[in-house]
Amino acid sequence: ELLLKTIQEKIQLGNTLTSICRSKEMPNLSTIYKWMNQDQ
């Protein structure tokens, strides 16, 4: 939940999901899309 809130906050501040996922402490983009497909 902490990771998801961090991602959500960064997106709200105008960062792209692609740029967020480039960070070493974040999951890669395909992982986020997989999670999204599994969790409405």
PDB file of all heavy atoms in Angstrom:
ATOM      1  N   GLU A   1       0.826  -1.198   0.000  1.00  0.00           N
ATOM      2  CA  GLU A   1       0.000   0.000   0.000  1.00  0.00           C
ATOM      3  C   GLU A   1       0.867   1.258   0.000  1.00  0.00           C
ATOM      4  O   GLU A   1       0.551   2.235  -0.679  1.00  0.00           O
ATOM      5  CB  GLU A   1      -0.953   0.006   1.205  1.00  0.00           C
ATOM      6  CG  GLU A   1      -1.964   1.120   1.171  1.00  0.00           C
ATOM      7  CD  GLU A   1      -2.847   1.139  -0.078  1.00  0.00           C
ATOM      8  OE1 GLU A   1      -3.140   0.081  -0.650  1.00  0.00           O
ATOM      9  OE2 GLU A   1      -3.239   2.256  -0.483  1.00  0.00           O
ATOM     10  N   LEU A   2       1.979   1.243   0.725  1.00  0.00           N
ATOM     11  CA  LEU A   2       2.884   2.389   0.752  1.00  0.00           C
ATOM     12  C   LEU A   2       3.460   2.658  -0.641  1.00  0.00           C
ATOM     13  O   LEU A   2       3.492   3.804  -1.101  1.00  0.00           O
ATOM     14  CB  LEU A   2       4.018   2.167   1.758  1.00  0.00           C
ATOM     15  CG  LEU A   2       5.057   3.272   1.845  1.00  0.00           C
ATOM     16  CD1 LEU A   2       4.426   4.595   2.263  1.00  0.00           C
ATOM     17  CD2 LEU A   2       6.169   2.876   2.801  1.00  0.00           C
ATOM     18  N   LEU A   3       3.873   1.620  -1.326  1.00  0.00           N
ATOM     19  CA  LEU A   3       4.414   1.751  -2.673  1.00  0.00           C
ATOM     20  C   LEU A   3       3.354   2.305  -3.628  1.00  0.00           C
ATOM     21  O   LEU A   3       3.612   3.231  -4.393  1.00  0.00           O
ATOM     22  CB  LEU A   3       4.917   0.395  -3.182  1.00  0.00           C
ATOM     23  CG  LEU A   3       5.426   0.357  -4.620  1.00  0.00           C
ATOM     24  CD1 LEU A   3       6.677   1.229  -4.763  1.00  0.00           C
ATOM     25  CD2 LEU A   3       5.715  -1.074  -5.029  1.00  0.00           C
ATOM     26  N   LEU A   4       2.149   1.782  -3.545  1.00  0.00           N
ATOM     27  CA  LEU A   4       1.070   2.237  -4.429  1.00  0.00           C
ATOM     28  C   LEU A   4       0.697   3.690  -4.154  1.00  0.00           C
ATOM     29  O   LEU A   4       0.455   4.462  -5.082  1.00  0.00           O
ATOM     30  CB  LEU A   4      -0.153   1.336  -4.287  1.00  0.00           C
ATOM     31  CG  LEU A   4       0.052  -0.118  -4.708  1.00  0.00           C
ATOM     32  CD1 LEU A   4      -1.201  -0.935  -4.418  1.00  0.00           C
ATOM     33  CD2 LEU A   4       0.458  -0.229  -6.159  1.00  0.00           C
ATOM     34  N   LYS A   5       0.681   4.086  -2.880  1.00  0.00           N
ATOM     35  CA  LYS A   5       0.388   5.482  -2.544  1.00  0.00           C
ATOM     36  C   LYS A   5       1.477   6.409  -3.066  1.00  0.00           C
ATOM     37  O   LYS A   5       1.191   7.507  -3.544  1.00  0.00           O
ATOM     38  CB  LYS A   5       0.235   5.643  -1.030  1.00  0.00           C
ATOM     39  CG  LYS A   5      -1.101   5.197  -0.509  1.00  0.00           C
ATOM     40  CD  LYS A   5      -1.252   5.496   0.961  1.00  0.00           C
ATOM     41  CE  LYS A   5      -2.636   5.082   1.433  1.00  0.00           C
ATOM     42  NZ  LYS A   5      -2.876   5.467   2.819  1.00  0.00           N
ATOM     43  N   THR A   6       2.722   5.974  -2.981  1.00  0.00           N
ATOM     44  CA  THR A   6       3.832   6.770  -3.492  1.00  0.00           C
ATOM     45  C   THR A   6       3.701   6.979  -4.994  1.00  0.00           C
ATOM     46  O   THR A   6       3.851   8.101  -5.499  1.00  0.00           O
ATOM     47  CB  THR A   6       5.179   6.092  -3.160  1.00  0.00           C
ATOM     48  OG1 THR A   6       5.290   5.962  -1.739  1.00  0.00           O
ATOM     49  CG2 THR A   6       6.351   6.884  -3.696  1.00  0.00           C
ATOM     50  N   ILE A   7       3.405   5.905  -5.705  1.00  0.00           N
ATOM     51  CA  ILE A   7       3.220   5.987  -7.157  1.00  0.00           C
ATOM     52  C   ILE A   7       2.055   6.919  -7.478  1.00  0.00           C
ATOM     53  O   ILE A   7       2.155   7.793  -8.345  1.00  0.00           O
ATOM     54  CB  ILE A   7       3.006   4.590  -7.763  1.00  0.00           C
ATOM     55  CG1 ILE A   7       4.292   3.768  -7.644  1.00  0.00           C
ATOM     56  CG2 ILE A   7       2.534   4.681  -9.215  1.00  0.00           C
ATOM     57  CD1 ILE A   7       4.122   2.292  -7.941  1.00  0.00           C
ATOM     58  N   GLN A   8       0.959   6.759  -6.766  1.00  0.00           N
ATOM     59  CA  GLN A   8      -0.232   7.575  -6.988  1.00  0.00           C
ATOM     60  C   GLN A   8       0.081   9.064  -6.761  1.00  0.00           C
ATOM     61  O   GLN A   8      -0.299   9.914  -7.566  1.00  0.00           O
ATOM     62  CB  GLN A   8      -1.333   7.115  -6.038  1.00  0.00           C
ATOM     63  CG  GLN A   8      -2.672   7.746  -6.265  1.00  0.00           C
ATOM     64  CD  GLN A   8      -3.737   7.147  -5.355  1.00  0.00           C
ATOM     65  OE1 GLN A   8      -3.494   6.200  -4.607  1.00  0.00           O
ATOM     66  NE2 GLN A   8      -4.917   7.703  -5.412  1.00  0.00           N
ATOM     67  N   GLU A   9       0.784   9.379  -5.690  1.00  0.00           N
ATOM     68  CA  GLU A   9       1.127  10.771  -5.393  1.00  0.00           C
ATOM     69  C   GLU A   9       2.030  11.363  -6.472  1.00  0.00           C
ATOM     70  O   GLU A   9       1.845  12.510  -6.878  1.00  0.00           O
ATOM     71  CB  GLU A   9       1.808  10.862  -4.030  1.00  0.00           C
ATOM     72  CG  GLU A   9       0.857  10.638  -2.873  1.00  0.00           C
ATOM     73  CD  GLU A   9       1.559  10.525  -1.535  1.00  0.00           C
ATOM     74  OE1 GLU A   9       2.801  10.671  -1.468  1.00  0.00           O
ATOM     75  OE2 GLU A   9       0.856  10.283  -0.536  1.00  0.00           O
ATOM     76  N   LYS A  10       3.004  10.590  -6.935  1.00  0.00           N
ATOM     77  CA  LYS A  10       3.904  11.080  -7.976  1.00  0.00           C
ATOM     78  C   LYS A  10       3.152  11.364  -9.272  1.00  0.00           C
ATOM     79  O   LYS A  10       3.414  12.355  -9.943  1.00  0.00           O
ATOM     80  CB  LYS A  10       5.036  10.078  -8.214  1.00  0.00           C
ATOM     81  CG  LYS A  10       6.062  10.019  -7.099  1.00  0.00           C
ATOM     82  CD  LYS A  10       7.110   8.950  -7.367  1.00  0.00           C
ATOM     83  CE  LYS A  10       8.120   8.864  -6.266  1.00  0.00           C
ATOM     84  NZ  LYS A  10       9.125   9.917  -6.307  1.00  0.00           N
ATOM     85  N   ILE A  11       2.202  10.503  -9.607  1.00  0.00           N
ATOM     86  CA  ILE A  11       1.398  10.722 -10.808  1.00  0.00           C
ATOM     87  C   ILE A  11       0.559  11.989 -10.642  1.00  0.00           C
ATOM     88  O   ILE A  11       0.457  12.798 -11.559  1.00  0.00           O
ATOM     89  CB  ILE A  11       0.510   9.500 -11.109  1.00  0.00           C
ATOM     90  CG1 ILE A  11       1.360   8.294 -11.497  1.00  0.00           C
ATOM     91  CG2 ILE A  11      -0.495   9.823 -12.221  1.00  0.00           C
ATOM     92  CD1 ILE A  11       0.578   6.993 -11.584  1.00  0.00           C
ATOM     93  N   GLN A  12      -0.033  12.176  -9.466  1.00  0.00           N
ATOM     94  CA  GLN A  12      -0.849  13.358  -9.226  1.00  0.00           C
ATOM     95  C   GLN A  12      -0.035  14.640  -9.330  1.00  0.00           C
ATOM     96  O   GLN A  12      -0.566  15.692  -9.692  1.00  0.00           O
ATOM     97  CB  GLN A  12      -1.510  13.285  -7.846  1.00  0.00           C
ATOM     98  CG  GLN A  12      -2.589  12.233  -7.770  1.00  0.00           C
ATOM     99  CD  GLN A  12      -3.133  12.054  -6.368  1.00  0.00           C
ATOM    100  OE1 GLN A  12      -2.520  12.451  -5.380  1.00  0.00           O
ATOM    101  NE2 GLN A  12      -4.300  11.436  -6.269  1.00  0.00           N
ATOM    102  N   LEU A  13       1.243  14.566  -9.030  1.00  0.00           N
ATOM    103  CA  LEU A  13       2.116  15.736  -9.132  1.00  0.00           C
ATOM    104  C   LEU A  13       2.567  15.999 -10.565  1.00  0.00           C
ATOM    105  O   LEU A  13       3.315  16.940 -10.818  1.00  0.00           O
ATOM    106  CB  LEU A  13       3.332  15.566  -8.213  1.00  0.00           C
ATOM    107  CG  LEU A  13       3.008  15.629  -6.720  1.00  0.00           C
ATOM    108  CD1 LEU A  13       4.242  15.251  -5.893  1.00  0.00           C
ATOM    109  CD2 LEU A  13       2.484  16.998  -6.334  1.00  0.00           C
ATOM    110  N   GLY A  14       2.129  15.154 -11.488  1.00  0.00           N
ATOM    111  CA  GLY A  14       2.415  15.386 -12.896  1.00  0.00           C
ATOM    112  C   GLY A  14       3.514  14.523 -13.477  1.00  0.00           C
ATOM    113  O   GLY A  14       3.853  14.662 -14.645  1.00  0.00           O
ATOM    114  N   ASN A  15       4.069  13.618 -12.688  1.00  0.00           N
ATOM    115  CA  ASN A  15       5.077  12.695 -13.216  1.00  0.00           C
ATOM    116  C   ASN A  15       4.390  11.600 -14.023  1.00  0.00           C
ATOM    117  O   ASN A  15       3.285  11.170 -13.689  1.00  0.00           O
ATOM    118  CB  ASN A  15       5.867  12.044 -12.073  1.00  0.00           C
ATOM    119  CG  ASN A  15       6.665  13.039 -11.290  1.00  0.00           C
ATOM    120  OD1 ASN A  15       7.605  13.630 -11.798  1.00  0.00           O
ATOM    121  ND2 ASN A  15       6.272  13.266 -10.050  1.00  0.00           N
ATOM    122  N   THR A  16       5.036  11.151 -15.065  1.00  0.00           N
ATOM    123  CA  THR A  16       4.465  10.067 -15.857  1.00  0.00           C
ATOM    124  C   THR A  16       4.761   8.726 -15.191  1.00  0.00           C
ATOM    125  O   THR A  16       5.763   8.582 -14.472  1.00  0.00           O
ATOM    126  CB  THR A  16       5.037  10.050 -17.282  1.00  0.00           C
ATOM    127  OG1 THR A  16       6.435   9.757 -17.217  1.00  0.00           O
ATOM    128  CG2 THR A  16       4.808  11.369 -17.994  1.00  0.00           C
ATOM    129  N   LEU A  17       3.913   7.775 -15.434  1.00  0.00           N
ATOM    130  CA  LEU A  17       4.126   6.432 -14.892  1.00  0.00           C
ATOM    131  C   LEU A  17       5.419   5.846 -15.447  1.00  0.00           C
ATOM    132  O   LEU A  17       6.170   5.178 -14.736  1.00  0.00           O
ATOM    133  CB  LEU A  17       2.924   5.537 -15.217  1.00  0.00           C
ATOM    134  CG  LEU A  17       2.891   4.164 -14.574  1.00  0.00           C
ATOM    135  CD1 LEU A  17       3.028   4.248 -13.057  1.00  0.00           C
ATOM    136  CD2 LEU A  17       1.601   3.448 -14.939  1.00  0.00           C
ATOM    137  N   THR A  18       5.708   6.148 -16.698  1.00  0.00           N
ATOM    138  CA  THR A  18       6.943   5.669 -17.322  1.00  0.00           C
ATOM    139  C   THR A  18       8.165   6.204 -16.590  1.00  0.00           C
ATOM    140  O   THR A  18       9.098   5.458 -16.278  1.00  0.00           O
ATOM    141  CB  THR A  18       6.993   6.095 -18.803  1.00  0.00           C
ATOM    142  OG1 THR A  18       5.832   5.605 -19.455  1.00  0.00           O
ATOM    143  CG2 THR A  18       8.219   5.546 -19.487  1.00  0.00           C
ATOM    144  N   SER A  19       8.165   7.503 -16.277  1.00  0.00           N
ATOM    145  CA  SER A  19       9.321   8.085 -15.586  1.00  0.00           C
ATOM    146  C   SER A  19       9.420   7.573 -14.155  1.00  0.00           C
ATOM    147  O   SER A  19      10.528   7.354 -13.649  1.00  0.00           O
ATOM    148  CB  SER A  19       9.261   9.616 -15.607  1.00  0.00           C
ATOM    149  OG  SER A  19       8.196  10.094 -14.820  1.00  0.00           O
ATOM    150  N   ILE A  20       8.306   7.361 -13.505  1.00  0.00           N
ATOM    151  CA  ILE A  20       8.315   6.824 -12.133  1.00  0.00           C
ATOM    152  C   ILE A  20       8.938   5.437 -12.125  1.00  0.00           C
ATOM    153  O   ILE A  20       9.753   5.106 -11.264  1.00  0.00           O
ATOM    154  CB  ILE A  20       6.882   6.780 -11.567  1.00  0.00           C
ATOM    155  CG1 ILE A  20       6.341   8.198 -11.389  1.00  0.00           C
ATOM    156  CG2 ILE A  20       6.833   6.008 -10.255  1.00  0.00           C
ATOM    157  CD1 ILE A  20       4.845   8.269 -11.156  1.00  0.00           C
ATOM    158  N   CYS A  21       8.576   4.621 -13.106  1.00  0.00           N
ATOM    159  CA  CYS A  21       9.053   3.235 -13.150  1.00  0.00           C
ATOM    160  C   CYS A  21      10.527   3.125 -13.545  1.00  0.00           C
ATOM    161  O   CYS A  21      11.110   2.054 -13.391  1.00  0.00           O
ATOM    162  CB  CYS A  21       8.176   2.425 -14.100  1.00  0.00           C
ATOM    163  SG  CYS A  21       6.508   2.175 -13.451  1.00  0.00           S
ATOM    164  N   ARG A  22      11.132   4.186 -14.032  1.00  0.00           N
ATOM    165  CA  ARG A  22      12.566   4.160 -14.343  1.00  0.00           C
ATOM    166  C   ARG A  22      13.423   4.166 -13.078  1.00  0.00           C
ATOM    167  O   ARG A  22      14.582   3.774 -13.114  1.00  0.00           O
ATOM    168  CB  ARG A  22      12.934   5.366 -15.196  1.00  0.00           C
ATOM    169  CG  ARG A  22      12.540   5.230 -16.624  1.00  0.00           C
ATOM    170  CD  ARG A  22      13.153   6.338 -17.468  1.00  0.00           C
ATOM    171  NE  ARG A  22      12.447   6.426 -18.738  1.00  0.00           N
ATOM    172  CZ  ARG A  22      11.773   7.480 -19.148  1.00  0.00           C
ATOM    173  NH1 ARG A  22      11.749   8.587 -18.437  1.00  0.00           N
ATOM    174  NH2 ARG A  22      11.150   7.461 -20.308  1.00  0.00           N
ATOM    175  N   SER A  23      12.846   4.619 -11.985  1.00  0.00           N
ATOM    176  CA  SER A  23      13.580   4.689 -10.725  1.00  0.00           C
ATOM    177  C   SER A  23      13.861   3.280 -10.198  1.00  0.00           C
ATOM    178  O   SER A  23      13.010   2.388 -10.289  1.00  0.00           O
ATOM    179  CB  SER A  23      12.746   5.474  -9.707  1.00  0.00           C
ATOM    180  OG  SER A  23      13.369   5.483  -8.464  1.00  0.00           O
ATOM    181  N   LYS A  24      15.041   3.090  -9.638  1.00  0.00           N
ATOM    182  CA  LYS A  24      15.447   1.761  -9.164  1.00  0.00           C
ATOM    183  C   LYS A  24      14.582   1.248  -8.022  1.00  0.00           C
ATOM    184  O   LYS A  24      14.429   0.036  -7.854  1.00  0.00           O
ATOM    185  CB  LYS A  24      16.911   1.790  -8.726  1.00  0.00           C
ATOM    186  CG  LYS A  24      17.862   1.926  -9.874  1.00  0.00           C
ATOM    187  CD  LYS A  24      19.286   1.900  -9.417  1.00  0.00           C
ATOM    188  CE  LYS A  24      20.189   2.076 -10.633  1.00  0.00           C
ATOM    189  NZ  LYS A  24      21.592   1.983 -10.282  1.00  0.00           N
ATOM    190  N   GLU A  25      14.008   2.157  -7.230  1.00  0.00           N
ATOM    191  CA  GLU A  25      13.205   1.710  -6.097  1.00  0.00           C
ATOM    192  C   GLU A  25      11.742   1.470  -6.456  1.00  0.00           C
ATOM    193  O   GLU A  25      10.929   1.167  -5.589  1.00  0.00           O
ATOM    194  CB  GLU A  25      13.308   2.690  -4.924  1.00  0.00           C
ATOM    195  CG  GLU A  25      12.770   4.066  -5.195  1.00  0.00           C
ATOM    196  CD  GLU A  25      13.802   5.023  -5.739  1.00  0.00           C
ATOM    197  OE1 GLU A  25      14.966   4.654  -5.956  1.00  0.00           O
ATOM    198  OE2 GLU A  25      13.414   6.170  -5.974  1.00  0.00           O
ATOM    199  N   MET A  26      11.424   1.590  -7.736  1.00  0.00           N
ATOM    200  CA  MET A  26      10.054   1.375  -8.210  1.00  0.00           C
ATOM    201  C   MET A  26       9.979   0.134  -9.093  1.00  0.00           C
ATOM    202  O   MET A  26      10.963  -0.244  -9.715  1.00  0.00           O
ATOM    203  CB  MET A  26       9.575   2.585  -9.019  1.00  0.00           C
ATOM    204  CG  MET A  26       9.385   3.836  -8.208  1.00  0.00           C
ATOM    205  SD  MET A  26       8.010   3.621  -7.070  1.00  0.00           S
ATOM    206  CE  MET A  26       8.331   4.976  -5.953  1.00  0.00           C
ATOM    207  N   PRO A  27       8.796  -0.486  -9.143  1.00  0.00           N
ATOM    208  CA  PRO A  27       8.626  -1.629 -10.054  1.00  0.00           C
ATOM    209  C   PRO A  27       8.657  -1.150 -11.504  1.00  0.00           C
ATOM    210  O   PRO A  27       8.460   0.033 -11.773  1.00  0.00           O
ATOM    211  CB  PRO A  27       7.245  -2.166  -9.686  1.00  0.00           C
ATOM    212  CG  PRO A  27       6.544  -1.039  -9.028  1.00  0.00           C
ATOM    213  CD  PRO A  27       7.586  -0.182  -8.393  1.00  0.00           C
ATOM    214  N   ASN A  28       8.904  -2.073 -12.416  1.00  0.00           N
ATOM    215  CA  ASN A  28       8.920  -1.666 -13.825  1.00  0.00           C
ATOM    216  C   ASN A  28       7.493  -1.483 -14.335  1.00  0.00           C
ATOM    217  O   ASN A  28       6.524  -1.880 -13.696  1.00  0.00           O
ATOM    218  CB  ASN A  28       9.740  -2.638 -14.688  1.00  0.00           C
ATOM    219  CG  ASN A  28       9.167  -4.022 -14.734  1.00  0.00           C
ATOM    220  OD1 ASN A  28       7.958  -4.208 -14.823  1.00  0.00           O
ATOM    221  ND2 ASN A  28      10.023  -5.012 -14.686  1.00  0.00           N
ATOM    222  N   LEU A  29       7.398  -0.869 -15.478  1.00  0.00           N
ATOM    223  CA  LEU A  29       6.101  -0.501 -16.037  1.00  0.00           C
ATOM    224  C   LEU A  29       5.212  -1.719 -16.281  1.00  0.00           C
ATOM    225  O   LEU A  29       4.012  -1.684 -15.997  1.00  0.00           O
ATOM    226  CB  LEU A  29       6.319   0.281 -17.341  1.00  0.00           C
ATOM    227  CG  LEU A  29       5.117   0.971 -17.957  1.00  0.00           C
ATOM    228  CD1 LEU A  29       4.480   1.948 -16.982  1.00  0.00           C
ATOM    229  CD2 LEU A  29       5.526   1.689 -19.231  1.00  0.00           C
ATOM    230  N   SER A  30       5.780  -2.790 -16.781  1.00  0.00           N
ATOM    231  CA  SER A  30       4.964  -3.979 -17.055  1.00  0.00           C
ATOM    232  C   SER A  30       4.391  -4.571 -15.763  1.00  0.00           C
ATOM    233  O   SER A  30       3.280  -5.102 -15.772  1.00  0.00           O
ATOM    234  CB  SER A  30       5.767  -5.021 -17.834  1.00  0.00           C
ATOM    235  OG  SER A  30       6.864  -5.480 -17.086  1.00  0.00           O
ATOM    236  N   THR A  31       5.121  -4.457 -14.671  1.00  0.00           N
ATOM    237  CA  THR A  31       4.614  -4.939 -13.387  1.00  0.00           C
ATOM    238  C   THR A  31       3.408  -4.119 -12.946  1.00  0.00           C
ATOM    239  O   THR A  31       2.397  -4.675 -12.498  1.00  0.00           O
ATOM    240  CB  THR A  31       5.719  -4.875 -12.309  1.00  0.00           C
ATOM    241  OG1 THR A  31       6.795  -5.727 -12.702  1.00  0.00           O
ATOM    242  CG2 THR A  31       5.201  -5.301 -10.947  1.00  0.00           C
ATOM    243  N   ILE A  32       3.494  -2.799 -13.091  1.00  0.00           N
ATOM    244  CA  ILE A  32       2.370  -1.937 -12.724  1.00  0.00           C
ATOM    245  C   ILE A  32       1.138  -2.286 -13.568  1.00  0.00           C
ATOM    246  O   ILE A  32       0.035  -2.424 -13.044  1.00  0.00           O
ATOM    247  CB  ILE A  32       2.730  -0.445 -12.917  1.00  0.00           C
ATOM    248  CG1 ILE A  32       3.886  -0.027 -12.020  1.00  0.00           C
ATOM    249  CG2 ILE A  32       1.497   0.449 -12.667  1.00  0.00           C
ATOM    250  CD1 ILE A  32       3.571  -0.052 -10.543  1.00  0.00           C
ATOM    251  N   TYR A  33       1.337  -2.456 -14.884  1.00  0.00           N
ATOM    252  CA  TYR A  33       0.206  -2.805 -15.743  1.00  0.00           C
ATOM    253  C   TYR A  33      -0.373  -4.173 -15.383  1.00  0.00           C
ATOM    254  O   TYR A  33      -1.588  -4.368 -15.423  1.00  0.00           O
ATOM    255  CB  TYR A  33       0.605  -2.758 -17.216  1.00  0.00           C
ATOM    256  CG  TYR A  33       0.764  -1.359 -17.743  1.00  0.00           C
ATOM    257  CD1 TYR A  33       1.770  -1.044 -18.641  1.00  0.00           C
ATOM    258  CD2 TYR A  33      -0.089  -0.333 -17.346  1.00  0.00           C
ATOM    259  CE1 TYR A  33       1.920   0.245 -19.139  1.00  0.00           C
ATOM    260  CE2 TYR A  33       0.053   0.955 -17.831  1.00  0.00           C
ATOM    261  CZ  TYR A  33       1.057   1.231 -18.720  1.00  0.00           C
ATOM    262  OH  TYR A  33       1.201   2.510 -19.209  1.00  0.00           O
ATOM    263  N   LYS A  34       0.471  -5.092 -15.013  1.00  0.00           N
ATOM    264  CA  LYS A  34       0.001  -6.418 -14.580  1.00  0.00           C
ATOM    265  C   LYS A  34      -0.851  -6.281 -13.320  1.00  0.00           C
ATOM    266  O   LYS A  34      -1.944  -6.853 -13.223  1.00  0.00           O
ATOM    267  CB  LYS A  34       1.199  -7.326 -14.328  1.00  0.00           C
ATOM    268  CG  LYS A  34       0.852  -8.721 -13.870  1.00  0.00           C
ATOM    269  CD  LYS A  34       2.119  -9.534 -13.699  1.00  0.00           C
ATOM    270  CE  LYS A  34       1.970 -10.490 -12.558  1.00  0.00           C
ATOM    271  NZ  LYS A  34       3.214 -11.179 -12.216  1.00  0.00           N
ATOM    272  N   TRP A  35      -0.357  -5.504 -12.355  1.00  0.00           N
ATOM    273  CA  TRP A  35      -1.124  -5.273 -11.132  1.00  0.00           C
ATOM    274  C   TRP A  35      -2.462  -4.617 -11.440  1.00  0.00           C
ATOM    275  O   TRP A  35      -3.485  -4.979 -10.866  1.00  0.00           O
ATOM    276  CB  TRP A  35      -0.341  -4.397 -10.160  1.00  0.00           C
ATOM    277  CG  TRP A  35       0.869  -5.033  -9.558  1.00  0.00           C
ATOM    278  CD1 TRP A  35       1.221  -6.354  -9.571  1.00  0.00           C
ATOM    279  CD2 TRP A  35       1.906  -4.363  -8.834  1.00  0.00           C
ATOM    280  NE1 TRP A  35       2.407  -6.546  -8.917  1.00  0.00           N
ATOM    281  CE2 TRP A  35       2.849  -5.343  -8.444  1.00  0.00           C
ATOM    282  CE3 TRP A  35       2.142  -3.041  -8.504  1.00  0.00           C
ATOM    283  CZ2 TRP A  35       3.995  -5.026  -7.720  1.00  0.00           C
ATOM    284  CZ3 TRP A  35       3.284  -2.730  -7.770  1.00  0.00           C
ATOM    285  CH2 TRP A  35       4.192  -3.720  -7.382  1.00  0.00           C
ATOM    286  N   MET A  36      -2.459  -3.652 -12.354  1.00  0.00           N
ATOM    287  CA  MET A  36      -3.695  -2.963 -12.718  1.00  0.00           C
ATOM    288  C   MET A  36      -4.689  -3.924 -13.373  1.00  0.00           C
ATOM    289  O   MET A  36      -5.900  -3.832 -13.123  1.00  0.00           O
ATOM    290  CB  MET A  36      -3.394  -1.793 -13.652  1.00  0.00           C
ATOM    291  CG  MET A  36      -2.700  -0.624 -12.975  1.00  0.00           C
ATOM    292  SD  MET A  36      -2.117   0.639 -14.131  1.00  0.00           S
ATOM    293  CE  MET A  36      -3.664   1.237 -14.807  1.00  0.00           C
ATOM    294  N   ASN A  37      -4.203  -4.830 -14.206  1.00  0.00           N
ATOM    295  CA  ASN A  37      -5.080  -5.804 -14.863  1.00  0.00           C
ATOM    296  C   ASN A  37      -5.676  -6.793 -13.872  1.00  0.00           C
ATOM    297  O   ASN A  37      -6.753  -7.332 -14.111  1.00  0.00           O
ATOM    298  CB  ASN A  37      -4.333  -6.544 -15.967  1.00  0.00           C
ATOM    299  CG  ASN A  37      -4.109  -5.679 -17.179  1.00  0.00           C
ATOM    300  OD1 ASN A  37      -4.896  -4.795 -17.474  1.00  0.00           O
ATOM    301  ND2 ASN A  37      -3.005  -5.920 -17.885  1.00  0.00           N
ATOM    302  N   GLN A  38      -4.985  -7.021 -12.772  1.00  0.00           N
ATOM    303  CA  GLN A  38      -5.454  -7.963 -11.763  1.00  0.00           C
ATOM    304  C   GLN A  38      -6.309  -7.305 -10.680  1.00  0.00           C
ATOM    305  O   GLN A  38      -6.967  -7.995  -9.912  1.00  0.00           O
ATOM    306  CB  GLN A  38      -4.261  -8.654 -11.090  1.00  0.00           C
ATOM    307  CG  GLN A  38      -3.465  -9.522 -12.016  1.00  0.00           C
ATOM    308  CD  GLN A  38      -2.180 -10.023 -11.394  1.00  0.00           C
ATOM    309  OE1 GLN A  38      -1.733  -9.562 -10.356  1.00  0.00           O
ATOM    310  NE2 GLN A  38      -1.549 -10.987 -12.050  1.00  0.00           N
ATOM    311  N   ASP A  39      -6.285  -5.971 -10.613  1.00  0.00           N
ATOM    312  CA  ASP A  39      -6.932  -5.254  -9.513  1.00  0.00           C
ATOM    313  C   ASP A  39      -7.665  -4.024 -10.059  1.00  0.00           C
ATOM    314  O   ASP A  39      -7.046  -2.996 -10.326  1.00  0.00           O
ATOM    315  CB  ASP A  39      -5.863  -4.844  -8.494  1.00  0.00           C
ATOM    316  CG  ASP A  39      -6.407  -4.186  -7.250  1.00  0.00           C
ATOM    317  OD1 ASP A  39      -7.565  -3.728  -7.246  1.00  0.00           O
ATOM    318  OD2 ASP A  39      -5.648  -4.100  -6.262  1.00  0.00           O
ATOM    319  N   GLN A  40      -8.968  -4.148 -10.225  1.00  0.00           N
ATOM    320  CA  GLN A  40      -9.776  -3.061 -10.793  1.00  0.00           C
ATOM    321  C   GLN A  40      -9.697  -1.801  -9.932  1.00  0.00           C
ATOM    322  O   GLN A  40      -9.654  -0.687 -10.465  1.00  0.00           O
ATOM    323  CB  GLN A  40     -11.229  -3.512 -10.948  1.00  0.00           C
ATOM    324  CG  GLN A  40     -12.125  -2.484 -11.611  1.00  0.00           C
ATOM    325  CD  GLN A  40     -11.719  -2.166 -13.041  1.00  0.00           C
ATOM    326  OE1 GLN A  40     -11.210  -3.019 -13.758  1.00  0.00           O
ATOM    327  NE2 GLN A  40     -11.942  -0.933 -13.450  1.00  0.00           N
TER     328      GLN A  40
END
